[in-house]
Amino acid sequence: MFIFEAKRIIIVIIGALINAIALNFFFISADVYASGFTGFAQLLSTIFSDFLNVDFISTGIWLLLLNVPVGILGWFKVGRHFTIYSILSVLMTTFFLELIPVQSFSNDIMLNAVFGGVLGGFGVGLTLKWGASTGGSDILAMVLSRMKDKPIGSYLMIVNGIIIFFAGLLNEPENALYTLLALYVTTRVVDGLHTRHEKVTAMIVTKKTDDLQKAIHEKVVRGMTILPARGAYTREDKAMLVLVITRYELYDLERIINEVDPEAFTNIVHTAGVFGFFRKDN
């Protein structure tokens, strides 16, 4: 377990480094904005620097300040384990943003948008794949998903829409278009590495039904349906556990299955929508 957690910490740090490189080498110099709270941090840095002549609060510091109230919310509403890794990601991103100088490798805004989007998506996707998050909108999405069980895509679209609007308002109109391009590239890369879908359905065929059901319910706060199953070749009686989870819980589910029943067969499919009971209360 210690080695496992150590690997996750290293991955979170690497993801934060990649995100910082995407910002300082591509996005910031080209006035192209990232998604979520990172993009808002860029906007605030631009407003205070260009219009209020306040240069001592950098993008990294703004990112940290924006995540303080969200981190507190996540600590009480989501869970300490998930929030700790999110806080670590934000702290390391801020550290690398302050450490790495802002510089430009190209004057072509499109190249900056594409390469920044690829690097940013890789950093976010890598972090999500190992069961952590980059903080900010991820924590808000987790809170909304657990409290209301409603799609959070509309909320994230509003956040990114505001970022795109101000990207064009504070700079040239084309900056809004290139920001939209960067957000699209980031989403596609994250989708390739992990998933941008809000909810997925897991269908687990196992012989260790009771042990696996107990282990999942100890970690993942979701309802579950158990169906009888039988192997087509072995004719063995088994059970299929069906549950719908958010993308943030996918890593924990994979780890639980590998620990309890490595021989279980698991199929993960994208879920377009959920009607009825989704959340299991403690």
Protein backbone atom coordinates (compact mmCIF):
# COMPACT_ATOMS: atom_id res chain seq x y z
CA MET A 1 0.00 0.00 0.00
CA PHE A 2 2.85 2.39 0.83
CA ILE A 3 4.50 1.79 -2.54
CA PHE A 4 1.15 2.25 -4.26
CA GLU A 5 0.51 5.61 -2.58
CA ALA A 6 4.09 6.71 -3.22
CA LYS A 7 3.58 6.05 -6.93
CA ARG A 8 0.40 8.11 -6.89
CA ILE A 9 2.17 11.03 -5.22
CA ILE A 10 4.91 10.90 -7.85
CA ILE A 11 2.33 10.83 -10.65
CA VAL A 12 0.51 13.83 -9.16
CA ILE A 13 3.78 15.78 -9.02
CA ILE A 14 4.63 14.85 -12.61
CA GLY A 15 1.13 15.89 -13.71
CA ALA A 16 1.54 19.25 -11.95
CA LEU A 17 4.90 19.78 -13.67
CA ILE A 18 3.39 19.06 -17.09
CA ASN A 19 0.50 21.46 -16.42
CA ALA A 20 2.93 24.19 -15.37
CA ILE A 21 5.01 23.69 -18.53
CA ALA A 22 1.87 23.94 -20.67
CA LEU A 23 0.96 27.23 -19.01
CA ASN A 24 4.36 28.94 -18.84
CA PHE A 25 5.70 27.77 -22.21
CA PHE A 26 2.54 27.96 -24.35
CA PHE A 27 -0.64 29.40 -22.85
CA ILE A 28 0.43 32.46 -20.85
CA SER A 29 2.83 33.91 -23.43
CA ALA A 30 0.21 33.57 -26.19
CA ASP A 31 -2.73 34.85 -24.11
CA VAL A 32 -4.50 31.53 -24.57
CA TYR A 33 -6.41 30.29 -21.54
CA ALA A 34 -6.75 26.89 -19.93
CA SER A 35 -10.00 25.41 -18.64
CA GLY A 36 -11.51 25.56 -15.16
CA PHE A 37 -9.89 27.31 -12.26
CA THR A 38 -6.54 27.46 -14.04
CA GLY A 39 -8.10 29.58 -16.76
CA PHE A 40 -9.72 31.82 -14.14
CA ALA A 41 -6.32 32.23 -12.48
CA GLN A 42 -4.91 33.35 -15.84
CA LEU A 43 -7.78 35.81 -16.31
CA LEU A 44 -7.27 37.34 -12.87
CA SER A 45 -3.54 37.61 -13.48
CA THR A 46 -4.19 39.37 -16.79
CA ILE A 47 -6.73 41.79 -15.29
CA PHE A 48 -4.61 42.74 -12.30
CA SER A 49 -1.41 43.01 -14.32
CA ASP A 50 -2.62 44.81 -17.46
CA PHE A 51 -5.43 46.95 -16.07
CA LEU A 52 -4.61 47.49 -12.38
CA ASN A 53 -0.78 47.40 -12.60
CA VAL A 54 -0.59 44.73 -9.90
CA ASP A 55 2.19 42.41 -11.00
CA PHE A 56 3.14 40.65 -7.79
CA ILE A 57 0.23 38.18 -7.86
CA SER A 58 1.11 35.61 -10.50
CA THR A 59 -1.06 32.96 -12.14
CA GLY A 60 0.28 30.35 -9.75
CA ILE A 61 -0.64 32.39 -6.68
CA TRP A 62 -4.13 33.08 -8.04
CA LEU A 63 -4.58 29.37 -8.71
CA LEU A 64 -3.68 28.62 -5.10
CA LEU A 65 -5.99 31.32 -3.70
CA LEU A 66 -8.94 30.16 -5.82
CA ASN A 67 -8.52 26.59 -4.63
CA VAL A 68 -8.49 27.40 -0.90
CA PRO A 69 -12.31 27.61 -0.44
CA VAL A 70 -12.85 24.72 -2.86
CA GLY A 71 -10.33 22.62 -0.95
CA ILE A 72 -12.18 23.28 2.30
CA LEU A 73 -15.47 22.31 0.63
CA GLY A 74 -13.93 19.12 -0.73
CA TRP A 75 -12.49 18.21 2.67
CA PHE A 76 -15.95 18.08 4.24
CA LYS A 77 -18.13 17.06 1.27
CA VAL A 78 -15.98 14.71 -0.81
CA GLY A 79 -13.45 13.12 1.51
CA ARG A 80 -10.02 13.77 2.92
CA HIS A 81 -8.18 11.23 0.78
CA PHE A 82 -9.35 12.67 -2.54
CA THR A 83 -8.94 16.27 -1.34
CA ILE A 84 -5.40 15.74 -0.05
CA TYR A 85 -4.19 14.64 -3.47
CA SER A 86 -6.05 17.53 -5.09
CA ILE A 87 -4.37 19.98 -2.70
CA LEU A 88 -1.00 18.39 -3.43
CA SER A 89 -1.61 18.84 -7.16
CA VAL A 90 -2.51 22.51 -6.74
CA LEU A 91 0.46 23.21 -4.45
CA MET A 92 2.92 21.55 -6.82
CA THR A 93 1.41 23.30 -9.85
CA THR A 94 1.80 26.65 -8.07
CA PHE A 95 5.38 25.76 -7.10
CA PHE A 96 6.35 24.83 -10.66
CA LEU A 97 4.59 27.89 -12.10
CA GLU A 98 6.71 30.08 -9.82
CA LEU A 99 9.88 28.08 -10.52
CA ILE A 100 9.66 27.81 -14.31
CA PRO A 101 10.06 31.12 -16.18
CA VAL A 102 7.39 32.24 -18.64
CA GLN A 103 8.80 32.06 -22.14
CA SER A 104 7.59 31.57 -25.69
CA PHE A 105 8.85 29.03 -28.21
CA SER A 106 6.65 30.29 -31.04
CA ASN A 107 4.78 33.40 -32.09
CA ASP A 108 2.09 31.29 -33.76
CA ILE A 109 -0.98 31.37 -31.49
CA MET A 110 -2.40 28.18 -33.02
CA LEU A 111 0.76 26.21 -32.26
CA ASN A 112 0.69 27.47 -28.68
CA ALA A 113 -2.98 26.54 -28.32
CA VAL A 114 -2.49 23.04 -29.73
CA PHE A 115 0.73 22.12 -27.95
CA GLY A 116 -0.44 23.72 -24.71
CA GLY A 117 -3.72 21.81 -24.99
CA VAL A 118 -1.90 18.52 -25.61
CA LEU A 119 0.44 18.98 -22.65
CA GLY A 120 -2.31 20.27 -20.36
CA GLY A 121 -4.61 17.39 -21.31
CA PHE A 122 -1.82 14.90 -20.72
CA GLY A 123 -1.12 16.33 -17.27
CA VAL A 124 -4.79 16.33 -16.26
CA GLY A 125 -5.49 12.90 -17.77
CA LEU A 126 -2.48 11.35 -16.07
CA THR A 127 -3.54 12.77 -12.72
CA LEU A 128 -7.13 11.54 -13.11
CA LYS A 129 -6.00 8.09 -14.23
CA TRP A 130 -4.23 7.62 -10.90
CA GLY A 131 -7.25 8.60 -8.83
CA ALA A 132 -6.35 12.20 -8.06
CA SER A 133 -7.50 15.52 -9.47
CA THR A 134 -6.09 18.90 -10.34
CA GLY A 135 -8.44 20.60 -7.88
CA GLY A 136 -10.78 23.48 -8.68
CA SER A 137 -13.59 22.45 -11.01
CA ASP A 138 -12.86 18.74 -10.41
CA ILE A 139 -13.71 19.10 -6.72
CA LEU A 140 -16.81 21.16 -7.49
CA ALA A 141 -17.91 18.51 -9.98
CA MET A 142 -17.43 15.80 -7.37
CA VAL A 143 -19.45 17.76 -4.78
CA LEU A 144 -22.29 18.46 -7.20
CA SER A 145 -22.35 14.85 -8.35
CA ARG A 146 -22.62 13.56 -4.79
CA MET A 147 -25.09 16.17 -3.56
CA LYS A 148 -27.51 16.46 -6.46
CA ASP A 149 -26.75 13.54 -8.79
CA LYS A 150 -27.24 15.89 -11.71
CA PRO A 151 -25.03 16.33 -14.77
CA ILE A 152 -22.17 18.71 -14.04
CA GLY A 153 -21.30 19.24 -17.70
CA SER A 154 -23.54 22.31 -17.91
CA TYR A 155 -21.75 23.92 -14.95
CA LEU A 156 -18.34 23.27 -16.49
CA MET A 157 -19.56 24.64 -19.82
CA ILE A 158 -20.61 27.86 -18.10
CA VAL A 159 -17.19 28.18 -16.44
CA ASN A 160 -15.33 27.57 -19.70
CA GLY A 161 -17.75 29.83 -21.58
CA ILE A 162 -16.88 32.71 -19.24
CA ILE A 163 -13.18 32.03 -19.79
CA ILE A 164 -13.59 32.04 -23.57
CA PHE A 165 -15.62 35.27 -23.48
CA PHE A 166 -13.07 37.16 -21.40
CA ALA A 167 -10.19 35.73 -23.44
CA GLY A 168 -11.61 37.62 -26.41
CA LEU A 169 -12.65 40.67 -24.39
CA LEU A 170 -9.31 41.22 -22.66
CA ASN A 171 -7.24 40.46 -25.76
CA GLU A 172 -8.11 40.08 -29.43
CA PRO A 173 -11.30 38.26 -30.51
CA GLU A 174 -9.17 35.55 -32.09
CA ASN A 175 -7.79 34.69 -28.66
CA ALA A 176 -11.25 33.45 -27.71
CA LEU A 177 -11.23 31.14 -30.72
CA TYR A 178 -7.78 29.81 -29.94
CA THR A 179 -8.79 29.31 -26.32
CA LEU A 180 -11.74 27.26 -27.56
CA LEU A 181 -9.32 25.23 -29.69
CA ALA A 182 -7.05 24.66 -26.69
CA LEU A 183 -9.99 23.49 -24.57
CA TYR A 184 -11.08 21.08 -27.28
CA VAL A 185 -7.59 19.60 -27.64
CA THR A 186 -7.27 19.28 -23.86
CA THR A 187 -10.60 17.45 -23.66
CA ARG A 188 -9.66 15.01 -26.43
CA VAL A 189 -6.33 14.16 -24.81
CA VAL A 190 -7.92 13.66 -21.39
CA ASP A 191 -10.58 11.48 -22.98
CA GLY A 192 -7.87 9.33 -24.56
CA LEU A 193 -5.96 8.88 -21.31
CA HIS A 194 -8.85 8.58 -18.89
CA THR A 195 -12.40 9.76 -19.53
CA ARG A 196 -14.23 13.04 -19.64
CA HIS A 197 -17.58 11.30 -19.27
CA GLU A 198 -19.23 12.27 -16.02
CA LYS A 199 -20.54 8.79 -15.23
CA VAL A 200 -19.60 5.27 -16.28
CA THR A 201 -21.26 1.90 -15.67
CA ALA A 202 -19.18 -0.95 -14.27
CA MET A 203 -20.30 -4.53 -14.82
CA ILE A 204 -18.18 -6.90 -12.71
CA VAL A 205 -18.45 -10.68 -13.05
CA THR A 206 -16.97 -12.36 -9.99
CA LYS A 207 -17.05 -15.45 -7.80
CA LYS A 208 -16.23 -13.41 -4.68
CA THR A 209 -19.52 -11.58 -4.62
CA ASP A 210 -19.85 -10.79 -0.91
CA ASP A 211 -16.22 -9.79 -0.40
CA LEU A 212 -16.19 -7.53 -3.45
CA GLN A 213 -19.55 -5.96 -2.65
CA LYS A 214 -18.42 -5.15 0.89
CA ALA A 215 -15.08 -3.72 -0.25
CA ILE A 216 -16.72 -1.50 -2.87
CA HIS A 217 -19.32 -0.13 -0.46
CA GLU A 218 -16.62 0.70 2.08
CA LYS A 219 -14.93 2.99 -0.43
CA VAL A 220 -17.43 3.97 -3.12
CA VAL A 221 -20.69 5.56 -1.96
CA ARG A 222 -22.96 4.11 -4.64
CA GLY A 223 -25.93 1.79 -4.98
CA MET A 224 -25.34 -1.58 -6.62
CA THR A 225 -27.34 -4.33 -8.31
CA ILE A 226 -26.25 -7.99 -8.10
CA LEU A 227 -27.40 -10.30 -10.88
CA PRO A 228 -26.90 -14.07 -11.18
CA ALA A 229 -24.43 -15.10 -13.91
CA ARG A 230 -22.91 -18.29 -15.28
CA GLY A 231 -19.74 -18.87 -17.24
CA ALA A 232 -20.47 -20.03 -20.79
CA TYR A 233 -17.53 -22.46 -20.94
CA THR A 234 -16.91 -23.39 -17.30
CA ARG A 235 -20.62 -23.46 -16.39
CA GLU A 236 -19.62 -22.01 -13.02
CA ASP A 237 -22.17 -19.99 -11.08
CA LYS A 238 -21.05 -16.41 -10.57
CA ALA A 239 -22.59 -13.01 -9.95
CA MET A 240 -22.50 -9.74 -11.87
CA LEU A 241 -22.25 -6.54 -9.88
CA VAL A 242 -23.63 -3.52 -11.72
CA LEU A 243 -23.03 0.02 -10.46
CA VAL A 244 -22.80 3.51 -11.89
CA ILE A 245 -19.91 5.67 -10.69
CA THR A 246 -18.37 9.03 -11.53
CA ARG A 247 -15.10 9.23 -13.41
CA TYR A 248 -13.35 10.31 -10.22
CA GLU A 249 -14.19 6.99 -8.56
CA LEU A 250 -12.99 4.79 -11.43
CA TYR A 251 -9.44 4.51 -10.12
CA ASP A 252 -10.57 3.43 -6.65
CA LEU A 253 -12.90 0.82 -8.16
CA GLU A 254 -10.11 -0.66 -10.29
CA ARG A 255 -7.82 -0.86 -7.26
CA ILE A 256 -10.49 -2.57 -5.14
CA ILE A 257 -11.20 -5.18 -7.82
CA ASN A 258 -7.51 -5.96 -8.24
CA GLU A 259 -7.07 -6.38 -4.49
CA VAL A 260 -10.18 -8.50 -3.80
CA ASP A 261 -10.58 -10.55 -6.99
CA PRO A 262 -7.89 -10.10 -9.66
CA GLU A 263 -9.62 -12.77 -11.78
CA ALA A 264 -12.88 -10.83 -11.99
CA PHE A 265 -14.06 -9.74 -15.43
CA THR A 266 -14.96 -6.05 -15.55
CA ASN A 267 -16.56 -4.09 -18.36
CA ILE A 268 -16.61 -0.29 -18.12
CA VAL A 269 -19.00 1.51 -20.46
CA HIS A 270 -19.83 5.19 -20.87
CA THR A 271 -23.16 6.25 -19.37
CA ALA A 272 -25.17 8.88 -21.23
CA GLY A 273 -27.66 9.41 -18.42
CA VAL A 274 -29.02 8.02 -15.16
CA PHE A 275 -32.67 7.96 -14.10
CA GLY A 276 -33.75 6.99 -10.61
CA PHE A 277 -31.59 6.13 -7.62
CA PHE A 278 -27.88 6.76 -8.14
CA ARG A 279 -26.37 7.69 -4.79
CA LYS A 280 -26.11 5.42 -1.76
CA ASP A 281 -26.31 7.37 1.48
CA ASN A 282 -24.13 6.43 4.42
